[in-house]
C-alpha cells in the first residue's frame, strides 16, 4: 500500500513527475506554465503580460485574509510584475464560523489590498464539512510590460545569490501564534510580542524589495522561499534554471528570534517556512550595489552564495567544508502540527 505524504508540499521529484505527465501547455500565449521553482504563470497580452498566482493559507490562523493577500502578492512581484487584482476562496469550518470570524477575514483582505493598491474583485465563500480551521485560497493577478518578465529559470552560472531580511520570518510568526501559551510560560512577554509582530516587522511582504531590484537592474532571477524554507527555495531556483549552487552557511542571516524558537522546538531554520525573505540571482558586478540600494531603503540584504554549473550540485559551505545542502521533504513547521508523529509540542 502506498505510504501517505506528510503535511506540506509534495516532494519535488513527485511534483516534477506529475507535471511532466499532466501539465501540457498547448496555448502559445502561456509564456511560463507550471513547474518547480516557478512562482506564477505568465500569459502574453501583446504589449503587457498577465502574471497569475494561486496559493492557499493553511498553517496560519491569525490575520488570515491579510496573510493571503501578501503571500500571493509576493509571487507576482518576484516575476517583475505589479500585483493588481485579487480573488479569494474562503473555506470555513462547520460549527465554528461566526459573523465575527467572517468580518475578521474580510477586514484583513481589505486592509492588505488597500496597502498594496490591489483590487479585491471576486471569489467564493462556503462553510465546509470536515474542516477544523478556516482556509483562504488566494488568487492574485498582476501585469508587467512585455520583455520585463523575471523567472527563476533565468538564474545564470556565476550570479551572486542575495538574500533579503533573514530567515525564517513567517515561521517565527506562525510559531508565536500557534504556541503562544507555551511561549508566554517560557519567555518574557516582550519576546513573545516581538515574535508575533514578525508579520509586520521585519514583515512577510517582499513587494518593496522586488520593486527596488527591478529598478536597479542586473537581476536575472527572483524567488520567494515559502514552505521548506531557504534550503527548499534555493533548490527550486536551481531546478528551474538547471544550475548548481553554493550557499555560505556563515553568511545566512538567521534572525535571533528564529534561532531561539528553532532551538526550543527542535527545528532546522534552513527548512522553516520563510516568506519575508527574497532570493535574488544577481550579476556579480551588480550584487554589492543592489545590497547597498536595499540597505539604504531600510531592507537588510546579504550576499549568501553563488550560482554554479549544474555538475557542481547544490551545496552548503560551513567552516571551510562543503556538504550537500540539506533537503526537506516537508516544512519544519509541520512538526508542531503532528498528532501521531515524534513531536507535538
Protein backbone atom coordinates (compact mmCIF):
# COMPACT_ATOMS: atom_id res chain seq x y z
CA UNK A 1 0.00 0.00 0.00
CA UNK A 2 1.27 3.46 -0.86
CA UNK A 3 2.63 5.43 2.08
CA UNK A 4 0.74 8.73 2.58
CA UNK A 5 2.57 12.01 2.17
CA UNK A 6 3.35 14.13 5.24
CA UNK A 7 1.90 17.61 5.77
CA UNK A 8 3.27 20.23 3.35
CA UNK A 9 4.36 20.46 -0.27
CA UNK A 10 4.61 17.38 -2.44
CA UNK A 11 8.19 16.10 -2.74
CA UNK A 12 9.92 17.82 -5.65
CA UNK A 13 10.56 14.64 -7.62
CA UNK A 14 6.89 13.60 -7.37
CA UNK A 15 5.67 17.04 -8.39
CA UNK A 16 8.01 17.05 -11.40
CA UNK A 17 6.72 13.62 -12.45
CA UNK A 18 3.08 14.71 -12.17
CA UNK A 19 3.65 17.94 -14.09
CA UNK A 20 5.51 16.14 -16.88
CA UNK A 21 2.58 13.77 -17.26
CA UNK A 22 -0.42 16.06 -16.90
CA UNK A 23 0.55 19.73 -17.27
CA UNK A 24 0.70 20.04 -21.05
CA UNK A 25 0.63 23.71 -22.12
CA UNK A 26 -0.72 23.99 -25.67
CA UNK A 27 -1.51 27.72 -25.78
CA UNK A 28 1.50 29.64 -27.19
CA UNK A 29 0.47 32.73 -25.23
CA UNK A 30 1.42 30.94 -22.00
CA UNK A 31 4.97 32.20 -21.54
CA UNK A 32 5.55 30.48 -18.20
CA UNK A 33 3.50 27.48 -17.16
CA UNK A 34 3.63 25.12 -14.19
CA UNK A 35 7.00 23.91 -12.94
CA UNK A 36 9.21 23.56 -9.88
CA UNK A 37 10.57 26.94 -8.80
CA UNK A 38 8.10 28.88 -10.93
CA UNK A 39 6.31 31.31 -8.66
CA UNK A 40 3.46 32.18 -11.03
CA UNK A 41 2.10 31.71 -14.53
CA UNK A 42 2.67 34.32 -17.24
CA UNK A 43 0.34 34.89 -20.20
CA UNK A 44 1.04 37.24 -23.10
CA UNK A 45 -1.42 40.03 -23.89
CA UNK A 46 0.72 41.70 -26.51
CA UNK A 47 2.26 44.85 -25.02
CA UNK A 48 1.66 43.57 -21.49
CA UNK A 49 1.99 40.22 -19.75
CA UNK A 50 -0.53 38.93 -17.22
CA UNK A 51 1.05 37.17 -14.22
CA UNK A 52 -1.26 34.94 -12.16
CA UNK A 53 -0.78 33.06 -8.89
CA UNK A 54 -2.84 30.78 -6.65
CA UNK A 55 -1.76 30.00 -3.10
CA UNK A 56 -3.74 28.88 -0.02
CA UNK A 57 -3.07 29.81 3.60
CA UNK A 58 -3.24 26.66 5.69
CA UNK A 59 -0.75 26.99 8.57
CA UNK A 60 -1.69 30.47 9.80
CA UNK A 61 -4.86 31.05 11.81
CA UNK A 62 -4.50 34.76 12.64
CA UNK A 63 -4.93 37.69 10.20
CA UNK A 64 -5.85 35.09 7.64
CA UNK A 65 -7.20 37.40 4.94
CA UNK A 66 -4.31 39.88 5.29
CA UNK A 67 -1.86 36.98 5.12
CA UNK A 68 -3.39 35.54 1.94
CA UNK A 69 -3.10 38.80 0.04
CA UNK A 70 0.55 39.37 0.91
CA UNK A 71 1.88 35.86 0.19
CA UNK A 72 0.17 35.86 -3.20
CA UNK A 73 1.38 39.38 -3.98
CA UNK A 74 4.93 38.23 -3.25
CA UNK A 75 4.80 35.67 -6.03
CA UNK A 76 3.59 38.28 -8.52
CA UNK A 77 6.30 40.76 -7.50
CA UNK A 78 9.17 38.28 -7.86
CA UNK A 79 8.17 37.82 -11.51
CA UNK A 80 8.84 41.52 -12.08
CA UNK A 81 5.12 42.35 -12.17
CA UNK A 82 2.85 44.66 -10.18
CA UNK A 83 0.10 42.90 -8.17
CA UNK A 84 -3.29 44.40 -9.13
CA UNK A 85 -6.27 42.05 -8.76
CA UNK A 86 -7.13 39.54 -6.03
CA UNK A 87 -9.76 36.83 -5.66
CA UNK A 88 -10.30 34.74 -2.53
CA UNK A 89 -11.94 31.38 -1.89
CA UNK A 90 -12.90 31.02 1.78
CA UNK A 91 -13.48 27.52 3.16
CA UNK A 92 -14.90 27.85 6.66
CA UNK A 93 -15.32 25.23 9.42
CA UNK A 94 -18.74 23.80 10.18
CA UNK A 95 -19.98 24.69 13.66
CA UNK A 96 -17.30 27.31 14.28
CA UNK A 97 -17.97 30.02 11.71
CA UNK A 98 -19.38 33.21 13.22
CA UNK A 99 -20.06 36.70 11.85
CA UNK A 100 -17.01 37.90 13.80
CA UNK A 101 -14.79 35.35 12.03
CA UNK A 102 -16.09 36.42 8.60
CA UNK A 103 -15.67 40.11 9.40
CA UNK A 104 -12.13 39.50 10.62
CA UNK A 105 -11.08 37.70 7.44
CA UNK A 106 -12.66 40.27 5.13
CA UNK A 107 -11.28 43.24 7.04
CA UNK A 108 -7.82 41.71 6.66
CA UNK A 109 -8.37 41.17 2.95
CA UNK A 110 -9.44 44.78 2.57
CA UNK A 111 -6.58 46.22 4.63
CA UNK A 112 -3.91 44.29 2.73
CA UNK A 113 -5.39 45.05 -0.69
CA UNK A 114 -5.55 48.75 0.08
CA UNK A 115 -1.95 48.81 1.31
CA UNK A 116 -0.73 47.32 -2.00
CA UNK A 117 -3.11 49.13 -4.35
CA UNK A 118 -4.79 45.82 -5.21
CA UNK A 119 -8.49 45.43 -6.10
CA UNK A 120 -10.45 42.64 -4.42
CA UNK A 121 -12.50 41.63 -7.43
CA UNK A 122 -14.22 38.33 -6.60
CA UNK A 123 -14.08 34.89 -5.06
CA UNK A 124 -16.23 32.38 -3.20
CA UNK A 125 -17.21 31.60 0.41
CA UNK A 126 -18.66 28.46 1.93
CA UNK A 127 -18.91 26.57 5.21
CA UNK A 128 -17.23 23.26 4.54
CA UNK A 129 -17.69 19.87 6.19
CA UNK A 130 -14.66 18.35 7.94
CA UNK A 131 -12.52 21.46 8.48
CA UNK A 132 -11.12 22.35 11.89
CA UNK A 133 -9.82 25.79 10.85
CA UNK A 134 -10.61 28.33 8.15
CA UNK A 135 -8.64 28.21 4.91
CA UNK A 136 -8.23 31.04 2.43
CA UNK A 137 -7.14 30.13 -1.10
CA UNK A 138 -5.90 33.29 -2.75
CA UNK A 139 -5.68 34.07 -6.46
CA UNK A 140 -3.60 37.14 -7.35
CA UNK A 141 -3.10 38.65 -10.79
CA UNK A 142 -0.72 41.36 -11.89
CA UNK A 143 0.92 42.68 -15.00
CA UNK A 144 4.20 43.86 -16.41
CA UNK A 145 5.46 45.23 -19.68
CA UNK A 146 6.34 42.56 -22.21
CA UNK A 147 10.06 41.91 -22.02
CA UNK A 148 10.31 42.79 -18.30
CA UNK A 149 9.24 39.37 -17.04
CA UNK A 150 11.57 37.73 -14.50
CA UNK A 151 11.73 33.98 -13.90
CA UNK A 152 13.66 31.78 -11.51
CA UNK A 153 14.63 29.80 -14.62
CA UNK A 154 16.85 32.68 -15.72
CA UNK A 155 19.46 32.39 -12.95
CA UNK A 156 22.89 32.22 -14.60
CA UNK A 157 26.11 30.46 -13.65
CA UNK A 158 28.33 32.98 -11.87
CA UNK A 159 25.46 35.02 -10.43
CA UNK A 160 25.68 36.06 -6.80
CA UNK A 161 22.83 34.98 -4.53
CA UNK A 162 21.44 37.84 -2.46
CA UNK A 163 19.01 37.26 0.43
CA UNK A 164 16.90 39.98 1.99
CA UNK A 165 15.97 40.38 5.67
CA UNK A 166 16.66 36.89 7.08
CA UNK A 167 15.16 33.50 7.95
CA UNK A 168 12.57 32.38 8.90
CA UNK A 169 10.25 35.35 9.35
CA UNK A 170 7.00 33.58 8.58
CA UNK A 171 7.94 30.56 10.68
CA UNK A 172 8.51 32.72 13.75
CA UNK A 173 5.15 34.44 13.33
CA UNK A 174 3.28 31.14 12.96
CA UNK A 175 5.03 29.60 15.98
CA UNK A 176 4.27 32.67 18.09
CA UNK A 177 0.54 32.32 17.36
CA UNK A 178 0.20 28.53 17.44
CA UNK A 179 2.31 28.07 20.60
CA UNK A 180 1.64 31.38 22.34
CA UNK A 181 0.63 29.86 25.69
CA UNK A 182 3.80 27.77 25.92
CA UNK A 183 5.98 30.68 24.82
CA UNK A 184 4.50 33.04 27.41
CA UNK A 185 5.26 30.44 30.08
CA UNK A 186 8.86 30.25 28.86
CA UNK A 187 9.87 33.75 27.74
CA UNK A 188 9.14 37.37 28.76
CA UNK A 189 6.08 38.95 27.15
CA UNK A 190 8.30 41.39 25.27
CA UNK A 191 9.97 38.49 23.41
CA UNK A 192 6.66 36.85 22.51
CA UNK A 193 5.23 40.17 21.32
CA UNK A 194 8.23 40.71 19.06
CA UNK A 195 7.73 37.24 17.55
CA UNK A 196 4.02 37.85 16.95
CA UNK A 197 4.86 41.14 15.23
CA UNK A 198 7.17 39.42 12.70
CA UNK A 199 4.35 39.53 10.12
CA UNK A 200 4.86 43.31 10.03
CA UNK A 201 8.44 43.74 11.29
CA UNK A 202 10.60 42.61 9.51
CA UNK A 203 7.42 41.70 7.58
CA UNK A 204 6.42 38.89 5.21
CA UNK A 205 5.93 41.11 2.16
CA UNK A 206 8.75 41.26 -0.41
CA UNK A 207 6.94 43.55 -2.84
CA UNK A 208 9.06 46.59 -1.92
CA UNK A 209 12.43 44.85 -2.34
CA UNK A 210 11.35 43.18 -5.59
CA UNK A 211 10.40 46.60 -6.96
CA UNK A 212 13.78 48.07 -5.93
CA UNK A 213 15.57 45.13 -7.56
CA UNK A 214 13.71 45.68 -10.82
CA UNK A 215 14.61 49.37 -10.79
CA UNK A 216 18.26 48.61 -10.01
CA UNK A 217 18.87 46.13 -12.82
CA UNK A 218 21.27 43.23 -13.10
CA UNK A 219 18.76 40.86 -11.50
CA UNK A 220 18.35 37.67 -13.50
CA UNK A 221 16.01 35.77 -11.16
CA UNK A 222 13.96 36.22 -8.01
CA UNK A 223 12.21 33.65 -5.87
CA UNK A 224 10.01 33.77 -2.79
CA UNK A 225 11.05 30.94 -0.39
CA UNK A 226 7.96 29.66 1.40
CA UNK A 227 7.31 26.08 2.54
CA UNK A 228 10.54 24.19 3.04
CA UNK A 229 12.42 27.38 3.89
CA UNK A 230 15.55 28.84 2.37
CA UNK A 231 17.02 25.43 1.52
CA UNK A 232 13.98 24.37 -0.50
CA UNK A 233 13.63 27.80 -2.10
CA UNK A 234 17.24 27.75 -3.27
CA UNK A 235 16.85 24.20 -4.60
CA UNK A 236 13.77 25.36 -6.52
CA UNK A 237 15.77 28.14 -8.19
CA UNK A 238 18.49 25.68 -9.17
CA UNK A 239 15.93 23.20 -10.52
CA UNK A 240 14.12 25.87 -12.54
CA UNK A 241 17.35 27.17 -14.10
CA UNK A 242 19.09 23.78 -14.40
CA UNK A 243 22.12 25.05 -12.45
CA UNK A 244 24.05 24.18 -9.33
CA UNK A 245 24.57 26.40 -6.36
CA UNK A 246 26.65 27.09 -3.28
CA UNK A 247 25.37 28.68 -0.07
CA UNK A 248 27.78 30.03 2.55
CA UNK A 249 26.23 29.00 5.86
CA UNK A 250 28.03 31.63 7.92
CA UNK A 251 26.53 34.41 5.78
CA UNK A 252 22.89 33.33 6.18
CA UNK A 253 21.11 35.91 8.36
CA UNK A 254 19.30 33.78 10.93
CA UNK A 255 17.25 36.25 12.94
CA UNK A 256 17.67 35.96 16.75
CA UNK A 257 14.04 35.04 17.44
CA UNK A 258 14.24 32.39 14.71
CA UNK A 259 17.30 30.88 16.34
CA UNK A 260 15.67 30.83 19.78
CA UNK A 261 12.39 29.25 18.69
CA UNK A 262 14.07 26.69 16.45
CA UNK A 263 16.24 25.59 19.36
CA UNK A 264 13.17 25.30 21.61
CA UNK A 265 11.10 23.24 19.17
CA UNK A 266 13.94 21.24 17.60
CA UNK A 267 13.52 22.77 14.14
CA UNK A 268 16.14 23.49 11.48
CA UNK A 269 15.82 27.16 10.41
CA UNK A 270 17.01 26.27 6.88
CA UNK A 271 13.79 24.29 6.35
CA UNK A 272 11.34 26.58 8.17
CA UNK A 273 8.67 28.44 6.19
CA UNK A 274 10.32 31.64 5.06
CA UNK A 275 8.02 34.24 3.47
CA UNK A 276 9.56 37.64 4.07
CA UNK A 277 12.95 36.74 2.66
CA UNK A 278 13.68 37.20 -1.04
CA UNK A 279 16.22 35.15 -3.01
CA UNK A 280 17.80 37.07 -5.89
CA UNK A 281 20.26 35.83 -8.52
CA UNK A 282 22.24 38.93 -9.49
CA UNK A 283 25.05 39.62 -11.94
CA UNK A 284 28.25 39.61 -9.83
CA UNK A 285 29.20 43.14 -10.88
CA UNK A 286 25.80 44.46 -9.66
CA UNK A 287 25.20 42.50 -6.45
CA UNK A 288 27.01 44.76 -3.96
CA UNK A 289 25.40 47.90 -5.37
CA UNK A 290 21.99 46.20 -5.06
CA UNK A 291 22.76 45.32 -1.44
CA UNK A 292 23.63 48.98 -0.83
CA UNK A 293 20.47 50.16 -2.57
CA UNK A 294 18.31 47.83 -0.46
CA UNK A 295 20.12 48.77 2.74
CA UNK A 296 19.60 52.47 2.01
CA UNK A 297 15.87 51.71 1.70
CA UNK A 298 15.88 50.09 5.15
CA UNK A 299 15.83 46.49 3.87
CA UNK A 300 18.64 44.27 5.11
CA UNK A 301 20.38 42.31 2.34
CA UNK A 302 23.36 39.96 2.19
CA UNK A 303 25.27 38.07 -0.50
CA UNK A 304 24.97 34.48 0.72
CA UNK A 305 26.03 32.31 -2.21
CA UNK A 306 26.81 31.71 -5.89
CA UNK A 307 25.11 30.08 -8.84
CA UNK A 308 27.35 27.25 -10.05
CA UNK A 309 27.45 24.93 -13.07
CA UNK A 310 24.91 22.08 -12.87
CA UNK A 311 27.60 19.42 -12.39
CA UNK A 312 28.65 21.14 -9.14
CA UNK A 313 25.43 20.10 -7.44
CA UNK A 314 23.72 22.10 -4.69
CA UNK A 315 25.98 22.54 -1.68
CA UNK A 316 26.49 24.46 1.51
CA UNK A 317 29.86 25.56 2.86
CA UNK A 318 30.34 25.61 6.61
CA UNK A 319 33.70 26.21 8.34
CA UNK A 320 35.52 25.70 5.06
CA UNK A 321 33.88 22.33 4.34
CA UNK A 322 31.35 21.81 1.56
CA UNK A 323 28.45 19.42 2.08
CA UNK A 324 25.21 18.81 0.21
CA UNK A 325 22.60 21.41 1.08
CA UNK A 326 20.04 19.75 3.39
CA UNK A 327 16.85 18.51 1.76
CA UNK A 328 13.49 18.98 3.49
CA UNK A 329 10.71 16.74 2.23
CA UNK A 330 8.29 18.86 4.19
CA UNK A 331 8.43 22.15 6.03
CA UNK A 332 9.84 22.04 9.55
CA UNK A 333 6.72 23.83 10.82
CA UNK A 334 4.80 20.60 10.14
CA UNK A 335 6.42 19.04 13.20
CA UNK A 336 4.43 21.18 15.57
CA UNK A 337 1.15 20.13 13.96
CA UNK A 338 1.83 16.40 14.24
CA UNK A 339 -0.64 14.28 16.19
CA UNK A 340 0.87 10.86 15.57
CA UNK A 341 4.49 11.76 14.96
CA UNK A 342 7.51 12.08 17.19
CA UNK A 343 6.87 15.69 18.17
CA UNK A 344 3.75 17.53 19.23
CA UNK A 345 4.74 20.48 21.38
